[in-house]
Structure formats: structure tokens, C-alpha cells
PDB file of N, CA and C in Angstrom:
ATOM      1  N   UNK A   1      89.077-146.519  90.846  1.00  0.00           N
ATOM      2  CA  UNK A   1      89.136-145.916  89.521  1.00  0.00           C
ATOM      3  C   UNK A   1      89.591-144.460  89.594  1.00  0.00           C
ATOM      4  N   UNK A   2      89.065-143.705  90.546  1.00  0.00           N
ATOM      5  CA  UNK A   2      89.450-142.299  90.677  1.00  0.00           C
ATOM      6  C   UNK A   2      90.948-142.184  90.916  1.00  0.00           C
ATOM      7  N   UNK A   3      91.468-143.024  91.810  1.00  0.00           N
ATOM      8  CA  UNK A   3      92.899-143.002  92.102  1.00  0.00           C
ATOM      9  C   UNK A   3      93.738-143.283  90.876  1.00  0.00           C
ATOM     10  N   UNK A   4      93.295-144.231  90.052  1.00  0.00           N
ATOM     11  CA  UNK A   4      94.027-144.568  88.827  1.00  0.00           C
ATOM     12  C   UNK A   4      94.045-143.391  87.859  1.00  0.00           C
ATOM     13  N   UNK A   5      92.909-142.744  87.696  1.00  0.00           N
ATOM     14  CA  UNK A   5      92.823-141.592  86.796  1.00  0.00           C
ATOM     15  C   UNK A   5      93.724-140.471  87.304  1.00  0.00           C
ATOM     16  N   UNK A   6      93.680-140.195  88.604  1.00  0.00           N
ATOM     17  CA  UNK A   6      94.520-139.139  89.164  1.00  0.00           C
ATOM     18  C   UNK A   6      96.000-139.453  88.982  1.00  0.00           C
ATOM     19  N   UNK A   7      96.376-140.716  89.125  1.00  0.00           N
ATOM     20  CA  UNK A   7      97.775-141.104  88.917  1.00  0.00           C
ATOM     21  C   UNK A   7      98.216-140.875  87.474  1.00  0.00           C
ATOM     22  N   UNK A   8      97.359-141.206  86.520  1.00  0.00           N
ATOM     23  CA  UNK A   8      97.687-140.971  85.109  1.00  0.00           C
ATOM     24  C   UNK A   8      97.831-139.473  84.856  1.00  0.00           C
ATOM     25  N   UNK A   9      96.917-138.693  85.390  1.00  0.00           N
ATOM     26  CA  UNK A   9      96.981-137.243  85.202  1.00  0.00           C
ATOM     27  C   UNK A   9      98.239-136.663  85.841  1.00  0.00           C
ATOM     28  N   UNK A  10      98.588-137.147  87.012  1.00  0.00           N
ATOM     29  CA  UNK A  10      99.798-136.683  87.691  1.00  0.00           C
ATOM     30  C   UNK A  10     101.032-137.005  86.851  1.00  0.00           C
ATOM     31  N   UNK A  11     101.056-138.182  86.261  1.00  0.00           N
ATOM     32  CA  UNK A  11     102.166-138.579  85.395  1.00  0.00           C
ATOM     33  C   UNK A  11     102.254-137.676  84.166  1.00  0.00           C
ATOM     34  N   UNK A  12     101.130-137.411  83.541  1.00  0.00           N
ATOM     35  CA  UNK A  12     101.111-136.538  82.366  1.00  0.00           C
ATOM     36  C   UNK A  12     101.577-135.129  82.722  1.00  0.00           C
ATOM     37  N   UNK A  13     101.107-134.614  83.852  1.00  0.00           N
ATOM     38  CA  UNK A  13     101.526-133.282  84.299  1.00  0.00           C
ATOM     39  C   UNK A  13     103.024-133.261  84.565  1.00  0.00           C
ATOM     40  N   UNK A  14     103.532-134.332  85.154  1.00  0.00           N
ATOM     41  CA  UNK A  14     104.961-134.433  85.427  1.00  0.00           C
ATOM     42  C   UNK A  14     105.804-134.437  84.165  1.00  0.00           C
ATOM     43  N   UNK A  15     105.207-134.863  83.061  1.00  0.00           N
ATOM     44  CA  UNK A  15     105.892-134.874  81.768  1.00  0.00           C
ATOM     45  C   UNK A  15     105.670-133.584  80.987  1.00  0.00           C
ATOM     46  N   UNK A  16     105.055-132.596  81.626  1.00  0.00           N
ATOM     47  CA  UNK A  16     104.903-131.286  81.001  1.00  0.00           C
ATOM     48  C   UNK A  16     103.643-131.079  80.198  1.00  0.00           C
ATOM     49  N   UNK A  17     102.699-132.006  80.237  1.00  0.00           N
ATOM     50  CA  UNK A  17     101.470-131.835  79.476  1.00  0.00           C
ATOM     51  C   UNK A  17     100.588-130.770  80.135  1.00  0.00           C
ATOM     52  N   UNK A  18     100.077-129.870  79.315  1.00  0.00           N
ATOM     53  CA  UNK A  18      99.139-128.867  79.801  1.00  0.00           C
ATOM     54  C   UNK A  18      97.746-129.477  79.814  1.00  0.00           C
ATOM     55  N   UNK A  19      97.042-129.308  80.931  1.00  0.00           N
ATOM     56  CA  UNK A  19      95.688-129.841  81.061  1.00  0.00           C
ATOM     57  C   UNK A  19      94.804-128.807  81.740  1.00  0.00           C
ATOM     58  N   UNK A  20      93.552-128.822  81.387  1.00  0.00           N
ATOM     59  CA  UNK A  20      92.532-128.089  82.126  1.00  0.00           C
ATOM     60  C   UNK A  20      91.674-129.160  82.773  1.00  0.00           C
ATOM     61  N   UNK A  21      91.627-129.159  84.108  1.00  0.00           N
ATOM     62  CA  UNK A  21      90.952-130.213  84.858  1.00  0.00           C
ATOM     63  C   UNK A  21      89.919-129.580  85.780  1.00  0.00           C
ATOM     64  N   UNK A  22      88.723-130.109  85.762  1.00  0.00           N
ATOM     65  CA  UNK A  22      87.687-129.697  86.705  1.00  0.00           C
ATOM     66  C   UNK A  22      87.598-130.784  87.759  1.00  0.00           C
ATOM     67  N   UNK A  23      87.803-130.414  89.027  1.00  0.00           N
ATOM     68  CA  UNK A  23      87.829-131.420  90.091  1.00  0.00           C
ATOM     69  C   UNK A  23      87.407-130.830  91.427  1.00  0.00           C
ATOM     70  N   UNK A  24      86.941-131.691  92.284  1.00  0.00           N
ATOM     71  CA  UNK A  24      86.726-131.342  93.686  1.00  0.00           C
ATOM     72  C   UNK A  24      87.788-132.008  94.549  1.00  0.00           C
ATOM     73  N   UNK A  25      88.776-132.637  93.921  1.00  0.00           N
ATOM     74  CA  UNK A  25      89.881-133.285  94.629  1.00  0.00           C
ATOM     75  C   UNK A  25      90.920-132.224  94.973  1.00  0.00           C
ATOM     76  N   UNK A  26      90.722-131.556  96.101  1.00  0.00           N
ATOM     77  CA  UNK A  26      91.569-130.431  96.486  1.00  0.00           C
ATOM     78  C   UNK A  26      93.029-130.829  96.687  1.00  0.00           C
ATOM     79  N   UNK A  27      93.285-131.978  97.284  1.00  0.00           N
ATOM     80  CA  UNK A  27      94.670-132.421  97.501  1.00  0.00           C
ATOM     81  C   UNK A  27      95.382-132.591  96.165  1.00  0.00           C
ATOM     82  N   UNK A  28      94.703-133.192  95.221  1.00  0.00           N
ATOM     83  CA  UNK A  28      95.275-133.380  93.889  1.00  0.00           C
ATOM     84  C   UNK A  28      95.592-132.028  93.256  1.00  0.00           C
ATOM     85  N   UNK A  29      94.640-131.128  93.282  1.00  0.00           N
ATOM     86  CA  UNK A  29      94.845-129.804  92.691  1.00  0.00           C
ATOM     87  C   UNK A  29      95.995-129.069  93.373  1.00  0.00           C
ATOM     88  N   UNK A  30      96.067-129.161  94.686  1.00  0.00           N
ATOM     89  CA  UNK A  30      97.117-128.462  95.435  1.00  0.00           C
ATOM     90  C   UNK A  30      98.505-128.970  95.081  1.00  0.00           C
ATOM     91  N   UNK A  31      98.627-130.257  94.791  1.00  0.00           N
ATOM     92  CA  UNK A  31      99.941-130.842  94.547  1.00  0.00           C
ATOM     93  C   UNK A  31     100.361-130.868  93.080  1.00  0.00           C
ATOM     94  N   UNK A  32      99.417-130.828  92.165  1.00  0.00           N
ATOM     95  CA  UNK A  32      99.751-131.006  90.751  1.00  0.00           C
ATOM     96  C   UNK A  32      99.597-129.721  89.934  1.00  0.00           C
ATOM     97  N   UNK A  33      98.643-128.897  90.274  1.00  0.00           N
ATOM     98  CA  UNK A  33      98.329-127.733  89.439  1.00  0.00           C
ATOM     99  C   UNK A  33      99.391-126.644  89.523  1.00  0.00           C
ATOM    100  N   UNK A  34      99.594-125.967  88.407  1.00  0.00           N
ATOM    101  CA  UNK A  34     100.438-124.771  88.421  1.00  0.00           C
ATOM    102  C   UNK A  34      99.571-123.537  88.672  1.00  0.00           C
ATOM    103  N   UNK A  35      98.279-123.652  88.352  1.00  0.00           N
ATOM    104  CA  UNK A  35      97.309-122.595  88.660  1.00  0.00           C
ATOM    105  C   UNK A  35      95.992-123.275  89.018  1.00  0.00           C
ATOM    106  N   UNK A  36      95.252-122.649  89.919  1.00  0.00           N
ATOM    107  CA  UNK A  36      93.958-123.166  90.346  1.00  0.00           C
ATOM    108  C   UNK A  36      92.911-122.092  90.068  1.00  0.00           C
ATOM    109  N   UNK A  37      91.877-122.492  89.339  1.00  0.00           N
ATOM    110  CA  UNK A  37      90.764-121.585  89.088  1.00  0.00           C
ATOM    111  C   UNK A  37      89.622-121.920  90.025  1.00  0.00           C
ATOM    112  N   UNK A  38      88.844-120.925  90.360  1.00  0.00           N
ATOM    113  CA  UNK A  38      87.703-121.127  91.242  1.00  0.00           C
ATOM    114  C   UNK A  38      86.495-120.479  90.590  1.00  0.00           C
ATOM    115  N   UNK A  39      85.460-121.288  90.352  1.00  0.00           N
ATOM    116  CA  UNK A  39      84.227-120.803  89.732  1.00  0.00           C
ATOM    117  C   UNK A  39      83.156-120.587  90.782  1.00  0.00           C
ATOM    118  N   UNK A  40      82.414-119.508  90.651  1.00  0.00           N
ATOM    119  CA  UNK A  40      81.275-119.231  91.520  1.00  0.00           C
ATOM    120  C   UNK A  40      80.120-118.787  90.635  1.00  0.00           C
ATOM    121  N   UNK A  41      79.065-119.578  90.616  1.00  0.00           N
ATOM    122  CA  UNK A  41      77.895-119.305  89.786  1.00  0.00           C
ATOM    123  C   UNK A  41      78.286-119.070  88.328  1.00  0.00           C
ATOM    124  N   UNK A  42      79.203-119.908  87.833  1.00  0.00           N
ATOM    125  CA  UNK A  42      79.607-119.845  86.443  1.00  0.00           C
ATOM    126  C   UNK A  42      80.635-118.779  86.108  1.00  0.00           C
ATOM    127  N   UNK A  43      81.072-118.017  87.098  1.00  0.00           N
ATOM    128  CA  UNK A  43      82.078-116.975  86.863  1.00  0.00           C
ATOM    129  C   UNK A  43      83.412-117.400  87.452  1.00  0.00           C
ATOM    130  N   UNK A  44      84.478-117.155  86.723  1.00  0.00           N
ATOM    131  CA  UNK A  44      85.820-117.415  87.219  1.00  0.00           C
ATOM    132  C   UNK A  44      86.198-116.269  88.151  1.00  0.00           C
ATOM    133  N   UNK A  45      86.296-116.560  89.453  1.00  0.00           N
ATOM    134  CA  UNK A  45      86.595-115.500  90.418  1.00  0.00           C
ATOM    135  C   UNK A  45      88.043-115.530  90.889  1.00  0.00           C
ATOM    136  N   UNK A  46      88.781-116.570  90.507  1.00  0.00           N
ATOM    137  CA  UNK A  46      90.209-116.630  90.824  1.00  0.00           C
ATOM    138  C   UNK A  46      90.884-117.599  89.873  1.00  0.00           C
ATOM    139  N   UNK A  47      92.101-117.286  89.501  1.00  0.00           N
ATOM    140  CA  UNK A  47      92.952-118.192  88.729  1.00  0.00           C
ATOM    141  C   UNK A  47      94.377-117.861  89.146  1.00  0.00           C
ATOM    142  N   UNK A  48      94.848-118.577  90.159  1.00  0.00           N
ATOM    143  CA  UNK A  48      96.093-118.221  90.841  1.00  0.00           C
ATOM    144  C   UNK A  48      96.927-119.469  91.122  1.00  0.00           C
ATOM    145  N   UNK A  49      98.197-119.291  91.484  1.00  0.00           N
ATOM    146  CA  UNK A  49      98.990-120.447  91.916  1.00  0.00           C
ATOM    147  C   UNK A  49      98.343-121.113  93.131  1.00  0.00           C
ATOM    148  N   UNK A  50      98.480-122.421  93.274  1.00  0.00           N
ATOM    149  CA  UNK A  50      97.824-123.150  94.370  1.00  0.00           C
ATOM    150  C   UNK A  50      98.095-122.586  95.762  1.00  0.00           C
ATOM    151  N   UNK A  51      99.310-122.084  96.007  1.00  0.00           N
ATOM    152  CA  UNK A  51      99.626-121.533  97.329  1.00  0.00           C
ATOM    153  C   UNK A  51      98.687-120.401  97.726  1.00  0.00           C
ATOM    154  N   UNK A  52      98.236-119.621  96.739  1.00  0.00           N
ATOM    155  CA  UNK A  52      97.357-118.496  97.047  1.00  0.00           C
ATOM    156  C   UNK A  52      95.958-118.948  97.458  1.00  0.00           C
ATOM    157  N   UNK A  53      95.599-120.165  97.120  1.00  0.00           N
ATOM    158  CA  UNK A  53      94.304-120.709  97.523  1.00  0.00           C
ATOM    159  C   UNK A  53      94.444-121.555  98.779  1.00  0.00           C
ATOM    160  N   UNK A  54      95.453-122.404  98.820  1.00  0.00           N
ATOM    161  CA  UNK A  54      95.539-123.426  99.864  1.00  0.00           C
ATOM    162  C   UNK A  54      96.440-123.072 101.043  1.00  0.00           C
ATOM    163  N   UNK A  55      97.425-122.218 100.858  1.00  0.00           N
ATOM    164  CA  UNK A  55      98.363-121.950 101.945  1.00  0.00           C
ATOM    165  C   UNK A  55      98.185-120.567 102.564  1.00  0.00           C
ATOM    166  N   UNK A  56      97.688-119.631 101.772  1.00  0.00           N
ATOM    167  CA  UNK A  56      97.418-118.283 102.268  1.00  0.00           C
ATOM    168  C   UNK A  56      95.914-118.151 102.484  1.00  0.00           C
ATOM    169  N   UNK A  57      95.522-117.092 103.127  1.00  0.00           N
ATOM    170  CA  UNK A  57      94.096-116.807 103.304  1.00  0.00           C
ATOM    171  C   UNK A  57      93.580-116.174 102.009  1.00  0.00           C
ATOM    172  N   UNK A  58      92.696-116.850 101.269  1.00  0.00           N
ATOM    173  CA  UNK A  58      92.182-116.272 100.024  1.00  0.00           C
ATOM    174  C   UNK A  58      91.470-114.945 100.278  1.00  0.00           C
ATOM    175  N   UNK A  59      91.637-114.013  99.364  1.00  0.00           N
ATOM    176  CA  UNK A  59      91.017-112.697  99.504  1.00  0.00           C
ATOM    177  C   UNK A  59      89.496-112.764  99.356  1.00  0.00           C
ATOM    178  N   UNK A  60      89.015-113.666  98.536  1.00  0.00           N
ATOM    179  CA  UNK A  60      87.584-113.750  98.255  1.00  0.00           C
ATOM    180  C   UNK A  60      86.844-114.520  99.347  1.00  0.00           C
ATOM    181  N   UNK A  61      85.771-113.936  99.852  1.00  0.00           N
ATOM    182  CA  UNK A  61      84.990-114.554 100.936  1.00  0.00           C
ATOM    183  C   UNK A  61      84.367-115.879 100.503  1.00  0.00           C
ATOM    184  N   UNK A  62      83.941-115.987  99.258  1.00  0.00           N
ATOM    185  CA  UNK A  62      83.318-117.231  98.772  1.00  0.00           C
ATOM    186  C   UNK A  62      84.332-118.368  98.769  1.00  0.00           C
ATOM    187  N   UNK A  63      85.560-118.077  98.374  1.00  0.00           N
ATOM    188  CA  UNK A  63      86.604-119.104  98.379  1.00  0.00           C
ATOM    189  C   UNK A  63      86.922-119.513  99.810  1.00  0.00           C
ATOM    190  N   UNK A  64      87.039-118.548 100.710  1.00  0.00           N
ATOM    191  CA  UNK A  64      87.299-118.870 102.124  1.00  0.00           C
ATOM    192  C   UNK A  64      86.200-119.755 102.685  1.00  0.00           C
ATOM    193  N   UNK A  65      84.954-119.444 102.382  1.00  0.00           N
ATOM    194  CA  UNK A  65      83.822-120.226 102.873  1.00  0.00           C
ATOM    195  C   UNK A  65      83.861-121.650 102.323  1.00  0.00           C
ATOM    196  N   UNK A  66      84.116-121.785 101.025  1.00  0.00           N
ATOM    197  CA  UNK A  66      84.199-123.107 100.406  1.00  0.00           C
ATOM    198  C   UNK A  66      85.295-123.934 101.059  1.00  0.00           C
ATOM    199  N   UNK A  67      86.479-123.356 101.209  1.00  0.00           N
ATOM    200  CA  UNK A  67      87.602-124.096 101.783  1.00  0.00           C
ATOM    201  C   UNK A  67      87.359-124.462 103.240  1.00  0.00           C
ATOM    202  N   UNK A  68      86.713-123.580 103.989  1.00  0.00           N
ATOM    203  CA  UNK A  68      86.407-123.896 105.385  1.00  0.00           C
ATOM    204  C   UNK A  68      85.480-125.107 105.457  1.00  0.00           C
ATOM    205  N   UNK A  69      84.441-125.118 104.641  1.00  0.00           N
ATOM    206  CA  UNK A  69      83.518-126.252 104.608  1.00  0.00           C
ATOM    207  C   UNK A  69      84.240-127.511 104.159  1.00  0.00           C
ATOM    208  N   UNK A  70      85.072-127.390 103.130  1.00  0.00           N
ATOM    209  CA  UNK A  70      85.815-128.545 102.626  1.00  0.00           C
ATOM    210  C   UNK A  70      86.729-129.111 103.708  1.00  0.00           C
ATOM    211  N   UNK A  71      87.454-128.246 104.389  1.00  0.00           N
ATOM    212  CA  UNK A  71      88.401-128.700 105.415  1.00  0.00           C
ATOM    213  C   UNK A  71      87.698-129.353 106.596  1.00  0.00           C
ATOM    214  N   UNK A  72      86.497-128.908 106.903  1.00  0.00           N
ATOM    215  CA  UNK A  72      85.737-129.524 107.994  1.00  0.00           C
ATOM    216  C   UNK A  72      85.354-130.964 107.647  1.00  0.00           C
ATOM    217  N   UNK A  73      85.227-131.253 106.364  1.00  0.00           N
ATOM    218  CA  UNK A  73      84.794-132.585 105.921  1.00  0.00           C
ATOM    219  C   UNK A  73      85.937-133.471 105.452  1.00  0.00           C
ATOM    220  N   UNK A  74      87.072-132.881 105.138  1.00  0.00           N
ATOM    221  CA  UNK A  74      88.190-133.616 104.539  1.00  0.00           C
ATOM    222  C   UNK A  74      89.503-133.156 105.151  1.00  0.00           C
ATOM    223  N   UNK A  75      90.534-133.891 104.834  1.00  0.00           N
ATOM    224  CA  UNK A  75      91.883-133.497 105.231  1.00  0.00           C
ATOM    225  C   UNK A  75      92.610-133.058 103.979  1.00  0.00           C
ATOM    226  N   UNK A  76      93.096-131.834 103.959  1.00  0.00           N
ATOM    227  CA  UNK A  76      93.820-131.306 102.789  1.00  0.00           C
ATOM    228  C   UNK A  76      95.299-131.442 103.046  1.00  0.00           C
TER     229      UNK A  76
END
């Protein structure tokens, strides 16, 4: 079911639909999003293009820590 939903969302994004999506699916966010927001304790601490989160070293220590833990458990 998750895969089906992600495929529909990817199709909609490909057709230019603007969406705000909350997800822990990092691969999906990295490939589909034009901007990625990162919340920490209810505060938006980043809202940047995906490359600034996934390909470069994020400036924020909390984001670096989250991504390190995520990468240890998953393949991005």
C-alpha cells in the first residue's frame, strides 16, 4: 500500500502538482521533493532543496544526527 501511495504522489508531482507531504521515506523525499523541511520539537529548522540535506553535510547538528541514524538503519 505504501508503495502504491508513493507512486501516485510521484505521478502527481511529475505533473506539477504542489504538495506538502510529511514522511519518513527519505528516498522518496530526496527524489521527488523540490524542497525538504525538517522539524525538530515542532519547529521548522530547515526548508531547503533536497541536495542540501541529502548530498551535502547539513549545517544543523540535529539534522546530521538524524540522517546518520537513518543511514545506519536504511539505504538512502
